[in-house]
Amino acid sequence: MANFSKSMAPRFSVEVYQNEYLPEGGREVNAIVTVTSTGGGTVGGAPLAGAALSPSYIPGQAPSAAVVIMVDCSGSMDYPPTKMRNARDATAAAIDTLRDGVAFAVVAGTHQAKEVYPGNGRLATADSATRAQAKEALRRLSAGGGTAIGTWLKLADRLLNDADVPIRHGILLTDGRNEHESPQDLQAALDACAGRFTCDARGVGTDWEVKEVTQIASALLGTADIVADPSGLAADFTRMMETAMGKEVADVALRLWTPVGVEIKFVKQVAPTVADLTDRRTEAGPRAGDYPTGSWGDESRDYHVCVQVPEAGIGQEMLAARVSLILPDPTGGTPQTLSQGLVRAVWTEDMAASTAINPQVAHYTGQAELAQVIQQGLDARKSGDIDGATAKLGRAVQLAAASGNADTAKLLAKVVDVVDEATGTVRLKAKVAEADEMTLETRSTKTVRVKK
């Protein structure tokens, strides 16, 4: 385990935004929980302004992070030939972004997974010499064979598992569909890797399956995106690696404790992207459960917690839930509580108080619906349901405009002609570029934060 003092690790804070007032008979309590991590040190190797310095690497000291880059080398990467060259250049750029002392490896993915560097089932330690060797090894990458992404992930897991580090991360690039293994095989690999490392997934070009790439990123608590033009890969890989290098604390869990009689309806991350964590709960003692949040650097995220409380009379109040951030002890001892916040319920006769919707809750409820209707609208469009697609994508335009989600509004405007954004009146475009449709689908879960 990396040796750094708690004072060097990020400081976490939890803020709870809610309308705690319920009318008589009211049972549903909604809260937005904002988690902020500050003072963690680095993003992309450079100290953040005002932050405590990240532990610097000392030769001979155990590394604090490990990264495996998985590059698609299937036959389709040769069409056009520039795609493979761009993938090599992007991987080289990512290697250049590695901090000294980070353990790393490169894997070539086809219908099987093969170690490109350093080989022999181990990881290299990043320094000027190993970075140069790794980039030399990339020149041997060539396209040929099929695609079985589960095998790539399992090899990455084996390599990362041998590293005694807190931060384990994967970067995965694919240009095609996962045709050489069953969906069940991929799901089994994701189930085996979940909680063991995080992974960012990228689709290059337009011949890959959006739902596969987003499935990988979601299961492994990473990001998913499209790089429609392969020439953009190097910049994207550099940004991804800079973010990975900024992570300081791994395996942070959102722990929800609820009193007797309180039922959890859902727990979702709602910013910077929508991700439903409800089914990923692991029990953590009486009436408590942990929801995984992955690795943290200097950043802030928002979570929507919804619980159902027992009925109570006017004037009564109760603690509906306690939200804590938990960091496990690597030796198996007592976990550390990093911060916590309380969700309350108060029953009142005041109709104005009990019917007011908290602005944060309203905003993120809309953002979650926005992600859902975009995906439903695009599915309807693909199946030929023009009326259904028009209705769903019209609602998406309306929600994007109301919430100020300008990036999503721009993506929608490439798929529909907007007649009236306020009412969600749209017409489907007769011709839509495949890259535009895939970009909208891939980025549909990206949200804008509420203006506090």
Protein backbone atom coordinates (compact mmCIF):
# COMPACT_ATOMS: atom_id res chain seq x y z
CA MET A 1 0.00 0.00 0.00
CA ALA A 2 1.27 3.47 -0.83
CA ASN A 3 2.81 5.27 2.10
CA PHE A 4 1.29 8.71 2.48
CA SER A 5 -0.07 10.50 5.49
CA LYS A 6 -3.75 11.24 5.94
CA SER A 7 -2.92 14.96 5.82
CA MET A 8 -1.83 14.49 2.18
CA ALA A 9 -5.07 12.78 1.20
CA PRO A 10 -8.06 14.84 0.02
CA ARG A 11 -10.49 16.25 2.58
CA PHE A 12 -14.11 15.25 2.01
CA SER A 13 -17.26 17.20 2.82
CA VAL A 14 -20.94 16.23 2.54
CA GLU A 15 -23.77 18.74 2.06
CA VAL A 16 -27.45 17.72 2.00
CA TYR A 17 -30.04 19.72 0.02
CA GLN A 18 -33.71 18.83 0.59
CA ASN A 19 -37.16 20.04 1.49
CA GLU A 20 -37.59 18.19 4.77
CA TYR A 21 -41.27 19.17 5.16
CA LEU A 22 -43.98 16.61 4.37
CA PRO A 23 -47.77 17.01 4.38
CA GLU A 24 -49.93 14.78 6.54
CA GLY A 25 -49.68 11.28 5.03
CA GLY A 26 -46.54 12.22 3.09
CA ARG A 27 -43.96 9.44 2.93
CA GLU A 28 -41.43 10.15 0.15
CA VAL A 29 -38.27 12.03 1.12
CA ASN A 30 -35.82 13.23 -1.56
CA ALA A 31 -32.38 14.71 -0.96
CA ILE A 32 -29.42 15.74 -3.11
CA VAL A 33 -26.13 14.89 -1.42
CA THR A 34 -23.15 16.90 -2.67
CA VAL A 35 -19.78 15.26 -2.00
CA THR A 36 -16.68 17.41 -2.44
CA SER A 37 -13.06 16.31 -2.24
CA THR A 38 -10.40 19.03 -1.91
CA GLY A 39 -6.68 19.31 -1.22
CA GLY A 40 -5.76 16.01 -2.86
CA GLY A 41 -2.81 17.45 -4.68
CA THR A 42 -2.52 16.64 -8.33
CA VAL A 43 -4.40 16.57 -11.57
CA GLY A 44 -2.13 15.47 -14.40
CA GLY A 45 0.92 15.63 -12.17
CA ALA A 46 0.69 19.38 -11.47
CA PRO A 47 -0.19 20.53 -7.93
CA LEU A 48 -3.58 22.24 -7.74
CA ALA A 49 -3.56 25.81 -6.51
CA GLY A 50 -3.77 25.86 -2.74
CA ALA A 51 -3.64 22.07 -2.48
CA ALA A 52 -1.34 19.98 -0.35
CA LEU A 53 1.43 18.50 -2.48
CA SER A 54 0.81 14.98 -3.67
CA PRO A 55 3.34 12.44 -2.40
CA SER A 56 6.23 12.50 -4.86
CA TYR A 57 7.73 9.27 -6.07
CA ILE A 58 11.03 8.14 -4.56
CA PRO A 59 12.92 5.41 -6.48
CA GLY A 60 12.52 2.11 -4.65
CA GLN A 61 9.30 3.24 -2.96
CA ALA A 62 6.08 1.36 -3.76
CA PRO A 63 4.00 3.10 -6.47
CA SER A 64 0.70 4.71 -5.47
CA ALA A 65 -1.21 3.91 -8.69
CA ALA A 66 -1.32 1.38 -11.51
CA VAL A 67 -2.78 1.79 -15.01
CA VAL A 68 -3.35 -0.73 -17.83
CA ILE A 69 -4.08 0.62 -21.32
CA MET A 70 -6.10 -1.80 -23.50
CA VAL A 71 -5.86 -1.05 -27.23
CA ASP A 72 -8.17 -2.66 -29.79
CA CYS A 73 -5.98 -4.36 -32.41
CA SER A 74 -8.76 -6.25 -34.23
CA GLY A 75 -8.76 -6.37 -38.03
CA SER A 76 -11.17 -3.44 -38.36
CA MET A 77 -8.54 -1.11 -36.87
CA ASP A 78 -6.89 -1.19 -40.33
CA TYR A 79 -9.90 0.49 -41.96
CA PRO A 80 -8.77 3.16 -42.56
CA PRO A 81 -5.06 2.42 -41.85
CA THR A 82 -4.72 5.80 -40.08
CA LYS A 83 -6.95 4.44 -37.26
CA MET A 84 -4.26 2.06 -35.96
CA ARG A 85 -1.62 4.79 -36.26
CA ASN A 86 -3.82 7.20 -34.31
CA ALA A 87 -4.37 4.54 -31.62
CA ARG A 88 -0.59 4.02 -31.30
CA ASP A 89 -0.02 7.79 -31.08
CA ALA A 90 -2.78 8.15 -28.49
CA THR A 91 -1.34 5.36 -26.34
CA ALA A 92 2.12 6.98 -26.58
CA ALA A 93 0.61 10.31 -25.46
CA ALA A 94 -1.05 8.59 -22.50
CA ILE A 95 2.26 6.95 -21.55
CA ASP A 96 3.95 10.36 -21.65
CA THR A 97 1.33 11.61 -19.18
CA LEU A 98 2.12 8.92 -16.58
CA ARG A 99 3.68 10.22 -13.37
CA ASP A 100 7.08 8.81 -12.46
CA GLY A 101 6.59 5.80 -10.20
CA VAL A 102 3.16 4.74 -11.52
CA ALA A 103 2.98 1.04 -12.39
CA PHE A 104 1.70 0.46 -15.94
CA ALA A 105 1.23 -1.99 -18.79
CA VAL A 106 -0.12 -2.01 -22.35
CA VAL A 107 -2.43 -4.77 -23.62
CA ALA A 108 -3.33 -5.49 -27.26
CA GLY A 109 -6.93 -6.66 -27.56
CA THR A 110 -8.31 -8.93 -30.28
CA HIS A 111 -10.28 -12.18 -29.82
CA GLN A 112 -7.64 -12.73 -27.13
CA ALA A 113 -5.60 -10.40 -24.93
CA LYS A 114 -1.83 -10.07 -25.33
CA GLU A 115 0.69 -8.15 -23.25
CA VAL A 116 2.54 -5.62 -25.38
CA TYR A 117 4.64 -4.08 -22.61
CA PRO A 118 6.39 -4.93 -20.34
CA GLY A 119 5.31 -8.60 -20.71
CA ASN A 120 5.88 -11.62 -18.47
CA GLY A 121 2.66 -10.96 -16.54
CA ARG A 122 3.97 -7.92 -14.71
CA LEU A 123 3.79 -4.13 -14.66
CA ALA A 124 6.58 -1.64 -15.39
CA THR A 125 7.33 1.37 -13.19
CA ALA A 126 7.09 4.64 -15.12
CA ASP A 127 10.29 6.61 -15.64
CA SER A 128 12.00 8.08 -18.70
CA ALA A 129 13.53 4.70 -19.64
CA THR A 130 10.36 2.56 -19.33
CA ARG A 131 8.24 5.19 -21.10
CA ALA A 132 10.67 5.10 -24.06
CA GLN A 133 10.66 1.28 -24.06
CA ALA A 134 6.86 1.17 -23.99
CA LYS A 135 6.56 3.59 -26.90
CA GLU A 136 9.06 1.49 -28.87
CA ALA A 137 6.92 -1.61 -28.15
CA LEU A 138 3.85 0.21 -29.55
CA ARG A 139 5.46 0.19 -32.99
CA ARG A 140 4.92 -3.56 -33.08
CA LEU A 141 1.13 -3.15 -32.74
CA SER A 142 -0.70 -4.29 -35.87
CA ALA A 143 -4.33 -4.99 -36.69
CA GLY A 144 -5.76 -8.49 -37.14
CA GLY A 145 -8.21 -10.83 -35.47
CA GLY A 146 -11.55 -10.42 -33.72
CA THR A 147 -12.95 -8.68 -30.65
CA ALA A 148 -13.48 -10.27 -27.20
CA ILE A 149 -13.38 -7.40 -24.70
CA GLY A 150 -13.98 -9.61 -21.66
CA THR A 151 -10.56 -11.25 -22.21
CA TRP A 152 -8.88 -7.81 -22.28
CA LEU A 153 -10.51 -6.84 -18.98
CA LYS A 154 -9.57 -10.14 -17.33
CA LEU A 155 -5.91 -9.72 -18.31
CA ALA A 156 -5.94 -6.11 -17.05
CA ASP A 157 -7.42 -7.37 -13.77
CA ARG A 158 -4.67 -10.00 -13.37
CA LEU A 159 -1.94 -7.42 -14.04
CA LEU A 160 -3.46 -4.79 -11.72
CA ASN A 161 -4.09 -7.37 -9.00
CA ASP A 162 -0.33 -7.94 -8.68
CA ALA A 163 0.25 -4.25 -7.88
CA ASP A 164 0.10 -3.35 -4.19
CA VAL A 165 -1.43 0.08 -4.84
CA PRO A 166 -4.62 1.88 -3.78
CA ILE A 167 -5.48 3.33 -7.23
CA ARG A 168 -6.03 0.76 -10.02
CA HIS A 169 -7.27 2.07 -13.35
CA GLY A 170 -7.89 0.88 -16.89
CA ILE A 171 -8.24 2.74 -20.18
CA LEU A 172 -9.99 0.78 -22.94
CA LEU A 173 -10.24 1.69 -26.63
CA THR A 174 -12.41 -0.21 -29.11
CA ASP A 175 -13.58 0.45 -32.66
CA GLY A 176 -15.96 -2.47 -33.13
CA ARG A 177 -18.65 -4.65 -31.67
CA ASN A 178 -17.79 -7.39 -29.19
CA GLU A 179 -18.49 -10.16 -31.72
CA HIS A 180 -16.16 -12.94 -30.53
CA GLU A 181 -17.67 -13.60 -27.12
CA SER A 182 -21.25 -13.76 -25.85
CA PRO A 183 -22.90 -10.86 -23.96
CA GLN A 184 -22.95 -13.25 -20.96
CA ASP A 185 -19.14 -13.65 -21.17
CA LEU A 186 -18.64 -9.88 -21.19
CA GLN A 187 -21.04 -9.45 -18.26
CA ALA A 188 -19.23 -12.19 -16.31
CA ALA A 189 -15.89 -10.41 -16.89
CA LEU A 190 -17.41 -7.10 -15.73
CA ASP A 191 -18.86 -8.76 -12.62
CA ALA A 192 -15.43 -10.24 -11.83
CA CYS A 193 -13.64 -6.89 -12.31
CA ALA A 194 -16.19 -4.62 -10.57
CA GLY A 195 -14.74 -3.09 -7.43
CA ARG A 196 -11.22 -4.24 -8.34
CA PHE A 197 -10.34 -1.42 -10.74
CA THR A 198 -12.01 1.54 -12.43
CA CYS A 199 -12.03 1.86 -16.23
CA ASP A 200 -12.64 4.59 -18.80
CA ALA A 201 -13.93 3.28 -22.15
CA ARG A 202 -13.76 4.97 -25.55
CA GLY A 203 -15.30 4.07 -28.89
CA VAL A 204 -13.41 5.31 -31.96
CA GLY A 205 -15.16 5.79 -35.31
CA THR A 206 -18.80 4.70 -35.69
CA ASP A 207 -18.74 0.88 -35.98
CA TRP A 208 -18.91 0.10 -32.26
CA GLU A 209 -21.92 -0.48 -30.01
CA VAL A 210 -22.77 2.43 -27.68
CA LYS A 211 -24.53 0.21 -25.14
CA GLU A 212 -21.46 -2.07 -24.85
CA VAL A 213 -19.03 0.79 -24.21
CA THR A 214 -21.33 2.52 -21.70
CA GLN A 215 -21.97 -0.86 -20.01
CA ILE A 216 -18.22 -1.27 -19.44
CA ALA A 217 -17.74 2.25 -18.07
CA SER A 218 -20.82 2.00 -15.84
CA ALA A 219 -19.87 -1.36 -14.34
CA LEU A 220 -16.30 -0.19 -13.64
CA LEU A 221 -17.24 3.33 -12.43
CA GLY A 222 -15.43 5.08 -15.28
CA THR A 223 -16.35 7.43 -18.11
CA ALA A 224 -17.56 6.56 -21.62
CA ASP A 225 -17.25 8.71 -24.72
CA ILE A 226 -17.03 8.67 -28.50
CA VAL A 227 -14.01 9.80 -30.50
CA ALA A 228 -15.69 9.93 -33.91
CA ASP A 229 -12.55 11.18 -35.67
CA PRO A 230 -9.51 9.01 -34.82
CA SER A 231 -7.25 12.10 -35.09
CA GLY A 232 -8.78 13.26 -31.79
CA LEU A 233 -7.59 10.20 -29.86
CA ALA A 234 -4.25 11.57 -28.61
CA ALA A 235 -5.86 14.63 -26.98
CA ASP A 236 -8.61 12.47 -25.44
CA PHE A 237 -6.15 9.87 -24.09
CA THR A 238 -3.99 12.63 -22.59
CA ARG A 239 -7.01 14.15 -20.80
CA MET A 240 -8.09 10.71 -19.52
CA MET A 241 -4.64 9.91 -18.18
CA GLU A 242 -4.32 13.36 -16.55
CA THR A 243 -7.59 12.71 -14.72
CA ALA A 244 -6.44 9.22 -13.69
CA MET A 245 -3.16 10.70 -12.38
CA GLY A 246 -5.20 13.14 -10.26
CA LYS A 247 -6.93 10.37 -8.30
CA GLU A 248 -5.70 10.11 -4.71
CA VAL A 249 -8.21 7.94 -2.84
CA ALA A 250 -9.79 4.69 -4.07
CA ASP A 251 -12.77 2.56 -3.04
CA VAL A 252 -14.75 5.35 -1.35
CA ALA A 253 -18.28 4.17 -0.54
CA LEU A 254 -21.46 6.15 0.11
CA ARG A 255 -22.95 4.47 3.18
CA LEU A 256 -26.67 4.87 3.79
CA TRP A 257 -28.04 4.07 7.24
CA THR A 258 -31.83 4.12 7.65
CA PRO A 259 -33.99 3.68 10.78
CA VAL A 260 -36.46 0.82 11.19
CA GLY A 261 -39.42 1.20 8.81
CA VAL A 262 -37.60 3.34 6.23
CA GLU A 263 -37.37 1.87 2.73
CA ILE A 264 -34.72 2.96 0.20
CA LYS A 265 -36.33 3.68 -3.19
CA PHE A 266 -33.12 4.58 -5.06
CA VAL A 267 -29.58 5.96 -4.84
CA LYS A 268 -28.24 7.61 -8.01
CA GLN A 269 -25.23 9.64 -8.96
CA VAL A 270 -26.69 12.65 -10.80
CA ALA A 271 -23.62 14.80 -11.54
CA PRO A 272 -21.37 14.90 -13.48
CA THR A 273 -23.25 11.97 -15.06
CA VAL A 274 -26.35 9.96 -14.22
CA ALA A 275 -25.57 6.48 -12.86
CA ASP A 276 -28.02 4.33 -10.89
CA LEU A 277 -26.25 2.77 -7.89
CA THR A 278 -29.37 1.25 -6.25
CA ASP A 279 -28.64 -2.37 -7.21
CA ARG A 280 -24.93 -2.09 -6.35
CA ARG A 281 -25.50 -1.96 -2.60
CA THR A 282 -23.45 -4.21 -0.34
CA GLU A 283 -24.64 -4.73 3.23
CA ALA A 284 -22.60 -2.94 5.89
CA GLY A 285 -24.14 -3.91 9.21
CA PRO A 286 -27.64 -3.45 10.66
CA ARG A 287 -29.80 -1.22 8.40
CA ALA A 288 -26.71 0.11 6.57
CA GLY A 289 -25.51 -0.44 3.02
CA ASP A 290 -22.56 0.78 0.94
CA TYR A 291 -22.81 2.14 -2.60
CA PRO A 292 -19.53 2.28 -4.60
CA THR A 293 -18.25 5.65 -5.85
CA GLY A 294 -14.79 4.63 -7.12
CA SER A 295 -11.69 6.82 -6.99
CA TRP A 296 -11.48 10.50 -6.10
CA GLY A 297 -9.15 13.40 -6.83
CA ASP A 298 -10.06 17.07 -6.42
CA GLU A 299 -13.70 17.05 -7.56
CA SER A 300 -17.34 17.32 -6.57
CA ARG A 301 -20.23 14.97 -7.37
CA ASP A 302 -23.95 14.98 -6.60
CA TYR A 303 -26.11 12.01 -5.53
CA HIS A 304 -29.91 11.73 -5.34
CA VAL A 305 -31.19 9.69 -2.40
CA CYS A 306 -34.90 8.82 -2.23
CA VAL A 307 -36.41 7.01 0.77
CA GLN A 308 -39.91 6.14 1.92
CA VAL A 309 -40.62 6.82 5.59
CA PRO A 310 -43.46 5.48 7.78
CA GLU A 311 -46.56 7.67 8.14
CA ALA A 312 -46.47 10.11 11.04
CA GLY A 313 -48.64 12.86 12.52
CA ILE A 314 -48.39 16.63 12.11
CA GLY A 315 -45.55 18.08 14.20
CA GLN A 316 -43.55 14.85 14.30
CA GLU A 317 -40.04 14.67 12.88
CA MET A 318 -37.52 11.92 12.29
CA LEU A 319 -34.09 11.16 10.91
CA ALA A 320 -34.92 9.61 7.53
CA ALA A 321 -31.33 8.59 6.64
CA ARG A 322 -27.72 9.19 7.57
CA VAL A 323 -25.29 9.46 4.64
CA SER A 324 -21.60 8.79 5.35
CA LEU A 325 -18.51 8.58 3.19
CA ILE A 326 -16.54 5.49 4.10
CA LEU A 327 -12.95 4.56 3.30
CA PRO A 328 -12.13 0.89 3.92
CA ASP A 329 -9.05 -0.06 5.92
CA PRO A 330 -6.66 -1.97 3.59
CA THR A 331 -5.67 -4.24 6.50
CA GLY A 332 -9.31 -5.18 7.14
CA GLY A 333 -9.68 -3.01 10.25
CA THR A 334 -12.38 -0.46 11.06
CA PRO A 335 -13.26 1.71 8.02
CA GLN A 336 -12.64 5.45 8.26
CA THR A 337 -15.65 7.81 8.15
CA LEU A 338 -14.57 10.76 5.99
CA SER A 339 -17.70 12.92 6.38
CA GLN A 340 -21.46 12.58 6.87
CA GLY A 341 -24.79 14.35 6.46
CA LEU A 342 -28.37 13.85 7.66
CA VAL A 343 -31.65 13.55 5.75
CA ARG A 344 -34.67 14.61 7.82
CA ALA A 345 -38.46 14.36 7.62
CA VAL A 346 -40.79 16.86 9.37
CA TRP A 347 -44.58 16.67 9.05
CA THR A 348 -46.35 20.03 8.85
CA GLU A 349 -49.77 21.60 8.22
CA ASP A 350 -48.08 24.43 6.29
CA MET A 351 -49.02 23.63 2.68
CA ALA A 352 -46.54 26.16 1.24
CA ALA A 353 -43.68 24.47 3.11
CA SER A 354 -44.70 20.89 2.34
CA THR A 355 -45.41 21.40 -1.38
CA ALA A 356 -42.26 23.39 -2.21
CA ILE A 357 -39.85 21.37 -4.34
CA ASN A 358 -36.21 21.83 -3.43
CA PRO A 359 -34.41 23.42 -6.45
CA GLN A 360 -31.57 20.85 -6.39
CA VAL A 361 -34.01 17.92 -6.28
CA ALA A 362 -36.11 19.42 -9.10
CA HIS A 363 -33.07 20.09 -11.27
CA TYR A 364 -31.58 16.61 -10.99
CA THR A 365 -34.93 14.86 -11.35
CA GLY A 366 -35.13 16.66 -14.69
CA GLN A 367 -31.56 15.70 -15.65
CA ALA A 368 -32.24 12.02 -14.91
CA GLU A 369 -35.42 12.18 -17.03
CA LEU A 370 -33.44 13.92 -19.80
CA ALA A 371 -30.96 11.02 -19.99
CA GLN A 372 -33.81 8.50 -20.02
CA VAL A 373 -35.92 10.14 -22.75
CA ILE A 374 -32.91 10.61 -25.05
CA GLN A 375 -32.13 6.89 -24.87
CA GLN A 376 -35.81 5.95 -25.30
CA GLY A 377 -36.16 8.38 -28.24
CA LEU A 378 -33.11 7.05 -30.06
CA ASP A 379 -34.24 3.44 -29.51
CA ALA A 380 -37.66 4.34 -30.92
CA ARG A 381 -36.04 6.05 -33.92
CA LYS A 382 -33.93 2.95 -34.67
CA SER A 383 -37.01 0.70 -34.49
CA GLY A 384 -38.96 2.95 -36.89
CA ASP A 385 -41.38 4.37 -34.28
CA ILE A 386 -41.39 7.94 -35.63
CA ASP A 387 -44.18 9.22 -33.34
CA GLY A 388 -42.56 7.74 -30.22
CA ALA A 389 -39.12 9.10 -31.18
CA THR A 390 -40.54 12.57 -31.87
CA ALA A 391 -42.37 12.68 -28.53
CA LYS A 392 -39.38 11.49 -26.46
CA LEU A 393 -36.77 13.65 -28.21
CA GLY A 394 -39.15 16.62 -28.04
CA ARG A 395 -39.39 16.17 -24.28
CA ALA A 396 -35.57 15.96 -24.19
CA VAL A 397 -35.27 19.30 -26.01
CA GLN A 398 -37.71 20.84 -23.52
CA LEU A 399 -35.79 19.48 -20.49
CA ALA A 400 -32.38 20.48 -21.87
CA ALA A 401 -33.59 24.05 -22.44
CA ALA A 402 -35.28 24.34 -19.04
CA SER A 403 -32.20 23.12 -17.15
CA GLY A 404 -29.62 25.07 -19.14
CA ASN A 405 -27.93 21.93 -20.48
CA ALA A 406 -26.55 23.68 -23.58
CA ASP A 407 -24.18 20.85 -24.59
CA THR A 408 -27.00 18.30 -24.76
CA ALA A 409 -29.26 20.83 -26.53
CA LYS A 410 -26.61 21.22 -29.28
CA LEU A 411 -26.35 17.44 -29.70
CA LEU A 412 -30.15 17.12 -29.91
CA ALA A 413 -30.27 19.83 -32.61
CA LYS A 414 -28.21 17.54 -34.86
CA VAL A 415 -30.89 14.84 -34.64
CA VAL A 416 -34.10 16.92 -34.62
CA ASP A 417 -35.26 20.25 -36.04
CA VAL A 418 -36.45 22.30 -33.07
CA VAL A 419 -39.72 24.14 -33.73
CA ASP A 420 -40.36 25.32 -30.14
CA GLU A 421 -37.99 24.32 -27.36
CA ALA A 422 -40.29 25.58 -24.58
CA THR A 423 -43.08 23.15 -25.58
CA GLY A 424 -40.74 20.46 -26.89
CA THR A 425 -42.12 20.66 -30.43
CA VAL A 426 -39.64 19.05 -32.85
CA ARG A 427 -39.40 17.25 -36.18
CA LEU A 428 -37.03 14.34 -36.73
CA LYS A 429 -34.34 15.15 -39.28
CA ALA A 430 -34.63 13.03 -42.42
CA LYS A 431 -30.86 12.41 -42.52
CA VAL A 432 -28.68 12.17 -39.43
CA ALA A 433 -24.94 11.48 -39.45
CA GLU A 434 -24.22 8.24 -37.60
CA ALA A 435 -21.52 9.97 -35.53
CA ASP A 436 -24.02 12.62 -34.37
CA GLU A 437 -26.57 10.03 -33.25
CA MET A 438 -23.91 7.97 -31.45
CA THR A 439 -22.48 11.08 -29.76
CA LEU A 440 -25.93 12.02 -28.44
CA GLU A 441 -26.51 8.48 -27.13
CA THR A 442 -23.06 8.18 -25.53
CA ARG A 443 -23.22 11.59 -23.84
CA SER A 444 -26.91 11.44 -22.89
CA THR A 445 -26.07 10.80 -19.21
CA LYS A 446 -23.84 13.90 -18.87
CA THR A 447 -25.53 16.49 -16.68
CA VAL A 448 -25.10 20.13 -15.79
CA ARG A 449 -24.86 21.09 -12.13
CA VAL A 450 -27.56 23.11 -10.50
CA LYS A 451 -26.72 26.77 -9.99
CA LYS A 452 -26.60 27.04 -6.21
